[in-house]
Protein backbone atom coordinates (compact mmCIF):
# COMPACT_ATOMS: atom_id res chain seq x y z
CA MET A 1 0.02 0.03 0.12
CA PRO A 2 1.64 3.31 -1.10
CA PRO A 3 2.01 6.11 1.89
CA ALA A 4 -1.16 7.95 2.94
CA PRO A 5 -1.73 11.35 1.25
CA SER A 6 0.05 14.56 3.20
CA PRO A 7 -2.60 16.28 4.94
CA GLY A 8 -4.56 18.12 2.66
CA ALA A 9 -7.43 17.37 0.18
CA PHE A 10 -8.11 13.88 1.37
CA ASP A 11 -9.29 12.03 4.62
CA PRO A 12 -7.45 9.19 4.78
CA ARG A 13 -10.25 7.84 7.07
CA ILE A 14 -12.65 7.87 4.04
CA LEU A 15 -10.16 6.59 2.15
CA ALA A 16 -9.83 3.52 4.11
CA LEU A 17 -13.14 2.62 4.03
CA PRO A 18 -14.29 -0.25 1.47
CA LEU A 19 -16.30 2.15 -0.68
CA TYR A 20 -12.84 2.92 -2.19
CA GLU A 21 -10.43 0.07 -4.05
CA GLU A 22 -6.57 0.01 -3.17
CA HIS A 23 -5.83 1.75 -7.17
CA HIS A 24 -8.18 4.62 -5.95
CA ARG A 25 -6.09 5.41 -2.98
CA GLU A 26 -2.98 4.94 -4.84
CA LEU A 27 -4.43 7.62 -7.28
CA ALA A 28 -5.26 10.03 -4.55
CA HIS A 29 -1.92 9.75 -3.44
CA ARG A 30 -0.15 10.80 -6.39
CA LEU A 31 -2.92 13.51 -7.38
CA THR A 32 -1.84 14.89 -3.80
CA LEU A 33 1.85 14.95 -4.98
CA TRP A 34 1.15 16.32 -8.52
CA CYS A 35 -0.80 18.96 -6.76
CA ASP A 36 2.00 19.73 -4.48
CA GLY A 37 4.27 19.84 -7.60
CA HIS A 38 2.39 22.37 -9.55
CA GLU A 39 1.20 24.78 -6.97
CA ASP A 40 2.12 27.95 -9.15
CA LEU A 41 0.32 27.26 -12.21
CA LEU A 42 -2.70 25.79 -10.27
CA ALA A 43 -2.74 29.13 -7.81
CA ASP A 44 -5.49 30.76 -9.93
CA ALA A 45 -2.80 33.97 -10.42
CA GLU A 46 -3.57 34.12 -14.05
CA PRO A 47 -6.44 35.10 -15.98
CA PRO A 48 -8.78 31.89 -16.87
CA MET A 49 -8.56 32.34 -20.67
CA THR A 50 -4.40 32.05 -20.71
CA ALA A 51 -4.55 30.31 -17.44
CA GLY A 52 -6.94 27.61 -19.12
CA PRO A 53 -4.85 26.02 -21.56
CA ARG A 54 -1.82 25.89 -19.65
CA ILE A 55 -3.74 23.83 -16.93
CA LEU A 56 -5.07 21.90 -19.58
CA ARG A 57 -2.13 21.07 -21.36
CA ALA A 58 -0.26 20.12 -17.84
CA LEU A 59 -2.90 17.80 -17.06
CA GLY A 60 -2.44 15.98 -20.01
CA ASP A 61 1.18 15.90 -19.70
CA GLY A 62 0.46 14.26 -16.14
CA GLY A 63 -1.35 11.74 -17.76
CA TRP A 64 -5.01 12.79 -15.69
CA LEU A 65 -7.14 13.69 -19.27
CA ALA A 66 -5.78 9.71 -20.84
CA PHE A 67 -9.19 8.01 -19.30
CA LEU A 68 -11.25 10.20 -22.27
CA ASP A 69 -9.43 8.22 -24.74
CA GLY A 70 -10.62 4.72 -24.02
CA GLY A 71 -10.07 4.34 -20.33
CA PRO A 72 -12.88 2.93 -18.42
CA ASP A 73 -15.73 4.39 -16.22
CA ASP A 74 -14.25 5.44 -12.93
CA HIS A 75 -16.65 7.76 -11.19
CA ARG A 76 -14.41 7.11 -7.85
CA ALA A 77 -11.35 8.04 -9.41
CA LEU A 78 -13.22 11.37 -11.01
CA CYS A 79 -14.56 12.24 -7.82
CA LEU A 80 -11.20 12.26 -6.25
CA ALA A 81 -9.86 14.18 -8.95
CA ARG A 82 -12.02 16.95 -8.86
CA GLU A 83 -11.96 16.85 -4.91
CA ALA A 84 -7.91 17.17 -5.26
CA LEU A 85 -7.71 20.35 -7.94
CA ALA A 86 -10.54 22.08 -6.25
CA TYR A 87 -8.63 21.93 -3.11
CA ALA A 88 -5.28 22.85 -4.92
CA GLY A 89 -7.34 25.68 -7.02
CA ASP A 90 -10.53 26.72 -8.51
CA LEU A 91 -9.25 26.65 -12.18
CA ALA A 92 -7.89 23.62 -12.02
CA ASP A 93 -11.06 21.82 -11.10
CA TYR A 94 -12.98 23.98 -13.13
CA THR A 95 -10.58 23.01 -16.46
CA PHE A 96 -10.41 19.22 -15.51
CA SER A 97 -14.14 19.27 -15.01
CA ILE A 98 -15.47 20.47 -18.05
CA GLN A 99 -12.93 18.89 -20.51
CA ALA A 100 -14.17 15.42 -18.98
CA LEU A 101 -17.91 16.84 -19.01
CA ALA A 102 -17.76 17.73 -22.45
CA ALA A 103 -15.85 14.52 -23.66
CA GLY A 104 -18.85 12.18 -22.24
CA PRO A 105 -21.01 12.46 -24.72
CA LEU A 106 -17.92 11.73 -27.59
CA ARG A 107 -16.88 8.96 -25.64
CA ARG A 108 -20.01 7.34 -25.39
CA HIS A 109 -22.38 8.22 -28.57
CA GLY A 110 -19.37 9.07 -31.20
CA THR A 111 -18.64 7.28 -34.14
CA GLY A 112 -15.58 5.84 -34.60
CA GLU A 113 -14.47 8.72 -36.87
CA GLN A 114 -15.74 11.28 -34.42
CA ARG A 115 -13.70 9.46 -31.29
CA ARG A 116 -10.82 9.64 -33.79
CA ARG A 117 -10.73 12.55 -34.61
CA TYR A 118 -11.13 14.52 -31.24
CA LEU A 119 -10.48 12.21 -28.11
CA PRO A 120 -6.50 11.76 -28.52
CA GLY A 121 -6.35 15.72 -28.47
CA LEU A 122 -8.89 16.10 -25.65
CA ALA A 123 -6.79 13.33 -23.57
CA ARG A 124 -3.45 14.72 -24.36
CA GLY A 125 -5.17 18.24 -23.11
CA GLU A 126 -3.99 19.67 -26.94
CA LEU A 127 -7.71 20.09 -27.78
CA CYS A 128 -9.86 21.74 -25.32
CA ALA A 129 -14.01 21.08 -25.18
CA ALA A 130 -16.89 22.68 -23.91
CA PHE A 131 -21.07 21.30 -23.75
CA ALA A 132 -23.39 23.82 -24.71
CA VAL A 133 -27.08 22.65 -23.35
CA SER A 134 -28.22 25.85 -21.31
CA GLU A 135 -30.15 28.76 -22.78
CA GLU A 136 -31.24 31.69 -21.17
CA ALA A 137 -34.55 31.08 -21.63
CA ALA A 138 -34.49 27.82 -20.61
CA GLY A 139 -32.83 27.37 -17.47
CA SER A 140 -32.32 24.25 -16.26
CA ASP A 141 -35.10 22.92 -18.14
CA VAL A 142 -33.48 20.92 -20.89
CA ALA A 143 -36.99 20.18 -22.63
CA ALA A 144 -37.00 23.42 -23.14
CA ILE A 145 -34.42 24.35 -25.56
CA GLY A 146 -34.97 26.50 -28.41
CA LEU A 147 -31.87 26.77 -30.66
CA ASP A 148 -33.12 25.57 -33.82
CA ALA A 149 -31.18 23.16 -35.89
CA ARG A 150 -32.76 23.05 -39.74
CA GLU A 151 -31.83 19.65 -41.93
CA THR A 152 -30.47 20.71 -45.16
CA ALA A 153 -29.50 18.52 -48.43
CA THR A 154 -25.65 19.07 -46.97
CA GLY A 155 -26.34 18.84 -43.21
CA TRP A 156 -27.81 21.08 -40.88
CA VAL A 157 -27.46 24.88 -40.31
CA LEU A 158 -28.00 26.22 -36.57
CA ASP A 159 -29.46 29.19 -35.69
CA GLY A 160 -29.93 30.66 -31.77
CA GLY A 161 -28.56 30.85 -28.79
CA LYS A 162 -26.68 28.86 -25.51
CA ALA A 163 -26.05 30.83 -22.32
CA TRP A 164 -23.57 30.22 -19.63
CA ILE A 165 -21.29 27.74 -21.33
CA ALA A 166 -18.29 26.67 -19.90
CA HIS A 167 -15.12 26.67 -21.48
CA ALA A 168 -16.80 29.47 -24.44
CA GLY A 169 -13.95 31.28 -26.16
CA ILE A 170 -11.18 28.74 -25.17
CA ALA A 171 -12.39 25.71 -26.32
CA ASP A 172 -12.06 23.92 -29.97
CA VAL A 173 -15.03 21.94 -30.44
CA TYR A 174 -18.70 22.48 -28.82
CA THR A 175 -21.34 19.35 -28.27
CA VAL A 176 -24.32 21.30 -28.32
CA ILE A 177 -28.08 20.11 -28.02
CA ALA A 178 -30.17 21.66 -30.59
CA ARG A 179 -33.83 21.43 -31.27
CA THR A 180 -34.07 19.32 -34.54
CA GLY A 181 -37.69 18.36 -34.85
CA PRO A 182 -41.29 19.42 -33.96
CA GLY A 183 -41.61 16.86 -31.17
CA PRO A 184 -43.00 18.40 -28.03
CA GLY A 185 -40.29 18.98 -25.53
CA ALA A 186 -37.53 16.58 -25.27
CA LEU A 187 -38.73 14.67 -27.87
CA GLY A 188 -37.41 17.07 -30.43
CA LEU A 189 -33.67 17.33 -29.27
CA SER A 190 -30.56 16.48 -30.92
CA ALA A 191 -26.65 16.32 -30.28
CA PHE A 192 -24.11 17.72 -32.60
CA LEU A 193 -20.27 18.48 -32.65
CA VAL A 194 -19.36 22.24 -33.26
CA PRO A 195 -15.72 22.99 -34.07
CA ALA A 196 -15.16 26.54 -32.71
CA THR A 197 -13.81 28.04 -36.39
CA THR A 198 -17.33 26.95 -38.04
CA PRO A 199 -18.63 29.83 -39.43
CA GLY A 200 -21.59 31.74 -38.02
CA LEU A 201 -20.66 30.98 -34.37
CA ARG A 202 -19.33 33.43 -32.12
CA VAL A 203 -18.57 34.18 -28.56
CA ARG A 204 -19.63 36.66 -26.41
CA PRO A 205 -17.56 36.36 -23.27
CA VAL A 206 -19.54 36.48 -19.60
CA PRO A 207 -17.49 37.93 -16.58
CA MET A 208 -18.18 35.97 -13.60
CA ILE A 209 -17.94 36.83 -9.70
CA ALA A 210 -15.01 33.85 -10.20
CA PRO A 211 -12.92 34.50 -13.10
CA ARG A 212 -13.53 31.86 -15.43
CA ALA A 213 -13.76 31.27 -19.22
CA LEU A 214 -17.67 30.86 -19.74
CA GLY A 215 -19.92 33.20 -21.88
CA HIS A 216 -22.56 32.79 -24.73
CA LEU A 217 -22.77 31.60 -28.19
CA VAL A 218 -24.38 32.88 -30.83
CA PHE A 219 -25.24 30.65 -33.66
CA GLU A 220 -26.33 32.42 -36.89
CA GLU A 221 -26.62 30.67 -40.25
CA CYS A 222 -24.50 28.05 -38.61
CA ALA A 223 -23.91 25.25 -41.45
CA LEU A 224 -22.69 21.96 -40.36
CA PRO A 225 -21.78 18.10 -42.47
CA GLY A 226 -24.27 15.63 -41.71
CA GLN A 227 -21.39 13.86 -39.79
CA ALA A 228 -21.76 16.66 -37.23
CA LEU A 229 -24.91 14.66 -35.49
CA LEU A 230 -23.35 12.97 -32.20
CA GLY A 231 -25.57 10.29 -31.59
CA ARG A 232 -29.18 9.30 -33.40
CA ARG A 233 -31.64 11.92 -34.36
CA GLY A 234 -33.72 13.06 -31.34
CA GLY A 235 -31.64 11.36 -28.94
CA GLY A 236 -30.32 14.62 -27.90
CA PHE A 237 -32.35 14.87 -24.43
CA PRO A 238 -30.84 11.15 -22.99
CA ILE A 239 -27.49 12.35 -23.73
CA ALA A 240 -27.70 15.49 -21.82
CA MET A 241 -29.42 14.01 -18.95
CA GLU A 242 -26.91 10.88 -18.85
CA VAL A 243 -24.04 13.64 -18.58
CA LEU A 244 -25.40 15.38 -15.88
CA ASP A 245 -26.58 12.60 -14.10
CA ARG A 246 -23.45 11.25 -14.19
CA PHE A 247 -21.94 14.77 -13.13
CA ARG A 248 -23.61 16.11 -10.40
CA MET A 249 -21.92 13.89 -7.83
CA THR A 250 -18.33 15.38 -9.08
CA VAL A 251 -19.51 18.67 -8.40
CA GLY A 252 -20.36 17.54 -4.87
CA ALA A 253 -16.69 16.43 -4.80
CA ALA A 254 -15.61 19.65 -6.19
CA ALA A 255 -17.71 21.27 -3.22
CA LEU A 256 -15.39 18.71 -1.16
CA GLY A 257 -12.33 19.81 -2.17
CA PHE A 258 -13.17 23.87 -1.76
CA ALA A 259 -14.74 23.42 1.86
CA ARG A 260 -11.84 21.08 2.95
CA ARG A 261 -9.35 24.08 1.76
CA ALA A 262 -11.39 26.58 3.66
CA ALA A 263 -11.63 24.76 6.99
CA ASP A 264 -8.14 23.95 6.68
CA ALA A 265 -7.15 27.29 6.61
CA ALA A 266 -9.36 28.58 9.34
CA LEU A 267 -8.41 26.05 11.77
CA ALA A 268 -4.59 27.19 11.48
CA ARG A 269 -5.29 30.25 11.71
CA ALA A 270 -7.81 29.71 14.69
CA LEU A 271 -4.44 27.54 16.78
CA ALA A 272 -2.11 29.75 15.83
CA ARG A 273 -4.14 33.21 16.66
CA PRO A 274 -3.58 34.61 20.16
CA MET A 275 -7.12 35.40 22.43
CA ARG A 276 -7.85 35.93 25.67
CA GLY A 277 -4.55 34.29 26.95
CA GLY A 278 -5.14 31.27 24.65
CA LYS A 279 -5.77 30.48 21.01
CA LEU A 280 -8.87 31.33 18.78
CA PHE A 281 -9.81 27.70 18.42
CA ASP A 282 -10.19 27.62 22.51
CA LEU A 283 -13.04 29.96 22.83
CA PRO A 284 -16.83 27.02 22.64
CA THR A 285 -18.01 29.33 20.00
CA VAL A 286 -14.99 28.94 17.48
CA ARG A 287 -14.85 25.00 18.77
CA ALA A 288 -18.82 24.31 18.25
CA ALA A 289 -18.23 25.96 14.62
CA PHE A 290 -15.42 23.42 13.70
CA ALA A 291 -17.53 20.59 14.52
CA GLY A 292 -20.35 21.66 13.01
CA MET A 293 -17.51 22.19 9.87
CA GLU A 294 -15.97 18.31 10.76
CA VAL A 295 -20.02 16.85 10.61
CA LYS A 296 -20.16 18.55 6.96
CA LEU A 297 -17.17 17.72 5.47
CA ASP A 298 -17.58 13.72 6.83
CA ALA A 299 -21.22 13.54 5.56
CA ALA A 300 -20.64 15.01 2.25
CA ALA A 301 -17.73 12.91 1.90
CA LEU A 302 -19.71 9.61 2.23
CA LEU A 303 -22.45 10.52 0.13
CA VAL A 304 -20.17 11.70 -2.60
CA ALA A 305 -18.42 8.36 -2.16
CA ARG A 306 -21.56 6.22 -1.92
CA ALA A 307 -23.34 7.89 -4.91
CA ALA A 308 -19.61 7.02 -7.06
CA TRP A 309 -19.51 3.56 -5.61
CA GLU A 310 -23.19 2.71 -6.74
CA THR A 311 -22.69 4.81 -10.06
CA ASP A 312 -19.68 2.34 -10.64
CA HIS A 313 -21.38 -0.51 -9.61
CA GLY A 314 -24.52 -0.27 -12.20
CA ASP A 315 -27.29 0.59 -9.59
CA PRO A 316 -30.04 2.17 -11.82
CA ARG A 317 -31.02 4.65 -9.04
CA TYR A 318 -27.45 6.39 -9.82
CA PRO A 319 -29.22 9.98 -10.46
CA ARG A 320 -30.86 10.17 -7.26
CA HIS A 321 -27.67 9.03 -5.49
CA SER A 322 -25.65 11.79 -7.72
CA ALA A 323 -28.53 14.40 -6.76
CA VAL A 324 -28.43 13.82 -3.44
CA ALA A 325 -24.42 14.12 -2.96
CA LYS A 326 -24.90 17.05 -4.90
CA PHE A 327 -27.27 19.09 -3.62
CA TYR A 328 -25.96 18.20 0.30
CA ALA A 329 -22.06 18.50 -0.47
CA THR A 330 -22.73 21.95 -2.51
CA GLU A 331 -25.17 23.56 0.54
CA ALA A 332 -22.96 22.04 3.30
CA ALA A 333 -19.49 23.66 1.29
CA GLN A 334 -21.38 26.87 1.27
CA GLU A 335 -22.18 26.85 5.09
CA ILE A 336 -18.42 25.65 5.86
CA VAL A 337 -16.73 28.61 3.92
CA ASP A 338 -18.88 31.09 5.06
CA SER A 339 -18.24 29.70 8.98
CA ALA A 340 -14.58 29.78 7.70
CA LEU A 341 -14.18 32.97 6.99
CA GLN A 342 -15.98 34.25 9.78
CA VAL A 343 -13.15 32.43 11.61
CA PHE A 344 -10.68 34.96 9.69
CA GLY A 345 -13.20 37.87 11.02
CA ALA A 346 -11.66 41.36 8.63
CA ALA A 347 -8.86 39.48 7.36
CA GLY A 348 -10.99 36.84 5.47
CA LEU A 349 -12.61 39.67 3.48
CA VAL A 350 -9.37 40.92 2.06
CA ARG A 351 -9.83 41.33 -1.69
CA ASP A 352 -7.88 38.21 -3.16
CA SER A 353 -6.95 36.61 -0.33
CA LEU A 354 -7.77 32.79 0.01
CA MET A 355 -10.82 33.02 1.78
CA GLU A 356 -12.53 35.57 -0.22
CA ARG A 357 -11.63 33.63 -3.33
CA LEU A 358 -13.37 30.38 -1.79
CA TYR A 359 -16.12 32.62 -0.82
CA ARG A 360 -16.62 33.46 -4.39
CA GLN A 361 -15.84 30.09 -6.02
CA ILE A 362 -18.15 28.11 -4.44
CA ARG A 363 -20.79 30.05 -4.79
CA SER A 364 -21.73 28.51 -8.11
CA LEU A 365 -21.38 25.19 -7.88
CA ARG A 366 -25.27 25.07 -6.23
CA ILE A 367 -25.91 26.57 -9.76
CA TYR A 368 -24.10 24.25 -11.62
CA GLU A 369 -25.64 21.12 -13.53
CA GLY A 370 -28.66 21.70 -12.24
CA SER A 371 -29.38 24.22 -9.38
CA SER A 372 -30.17 22.60 -5.71
CA GLU A 373 -33.82 23.53 -6.02
CA VAL A 374 -33.35 20.91 -9.47
CA GLN A 375 -31.72 18.41 -7.19
CA GLN A 376 -34.55 18.58 -4.62
CA ALA A 377 -36.97 17.81 -7.32
CA VAL A 378 -34.62 14.75 -8.59
CA ILE A 379 -34.80 13.47 -5.26
CA ALA A 380 -38.24 13.89 -4.07
CA ALA A 381 -39.71 12.23 -8.00
CA ALA A 382 -37.34 9.24 -6.32
CA ILE A 383 -38.66 8.38 -2.97
CA ASP A 384 -41.36 6.77 -3.97
CA PRO A 385 -39.66 3.99 -6.12
CA TYR A 386 -37.07 3.96 -3.59
CA ARG A 387 -39.02 2.96 -0.97
CA THR A 388 -41.19 0.21 -3.30
CA ALA A 389 -37.50 -1.14 -3.60
CA ARG A 390 -36.70 -1.53 -0.46
CA GLY A 391 -40.30 -3.24 0.61
CA VAL A 392 -41.30 -0.32 2.13
CA SER A 393 -45.24 0.32 1.77
CA SER A 394 -46.90 3.41 2.16
């Protein structure tokens, strides 16, 4: 067994549970060492439009994206990667997660030619991918997507827009969900691979409270060949939902990484800062705050691990587990970061300090890949079938 990871992103007691296998523990150790060795690159010191591609290439060189080109599905490994990278830096997690999320539909539904064209470059970090689902008018309602894809004699023409697209402006290829048929709601949606250089596609950057490469996409008579269709016509909704269901638990893992970084920083300060003849940590109210953080960290870690384990083992209820993990971990992380900032006092409000950055960075995770309210709807919808499966009658 490799040495336990150094204190930081992972709790070795959680990793030691049977929910993880030996190769996951070894992965966690290597991830910790890699992040320590790339501290300057992952420190969120550069603008995202320049830092993102550099981080992506470093991830590719390190082999952390190799699974995109033929590797097995391993959601526990994916969650561990996000947890470690989020602890190390916001852009590190952001860049890794969007690359993995956007490559998912291509890995699962792409033709041989499509996979050969894109996956090797994505796995090396030489190409950058994005997943374009959201629209300003549709929000979290994927079935309400309105981007029009009109069939022509030579392929398709896209007209309309997408909103809040991660990696907009640095992506080389976009997986785009658009409406190809008159069928109601979800029945008329299809997926397309759209190179960033396609005439008629332009990007409107959107500045966010946590700096990231993100923007709106505008499609104006954007012509695509027939081979741009990803999967079957009318199969866009299942593709989108599959990606979101599988990645929601990883958002919880990222939230856990951010929260643990905040708690660790606050604990170091509380143990070092003199207060009333002792240390700040000696105050009962401060100790109570740290007890609350510890409970939330443990609960979030266990829910994320359970969701990833269930998914890796083929449990058909994995969307429910994924929603539970995402909902709890992101909500708890927001509370942990807020409590940690309170420990810092005014020092936590200093612009561009660690706590100020974490406070801005954590907020978006309660919205991405489906807001907390969406997760509550998913969880509630699964309550009765879940109880029935356990043999509990009403």
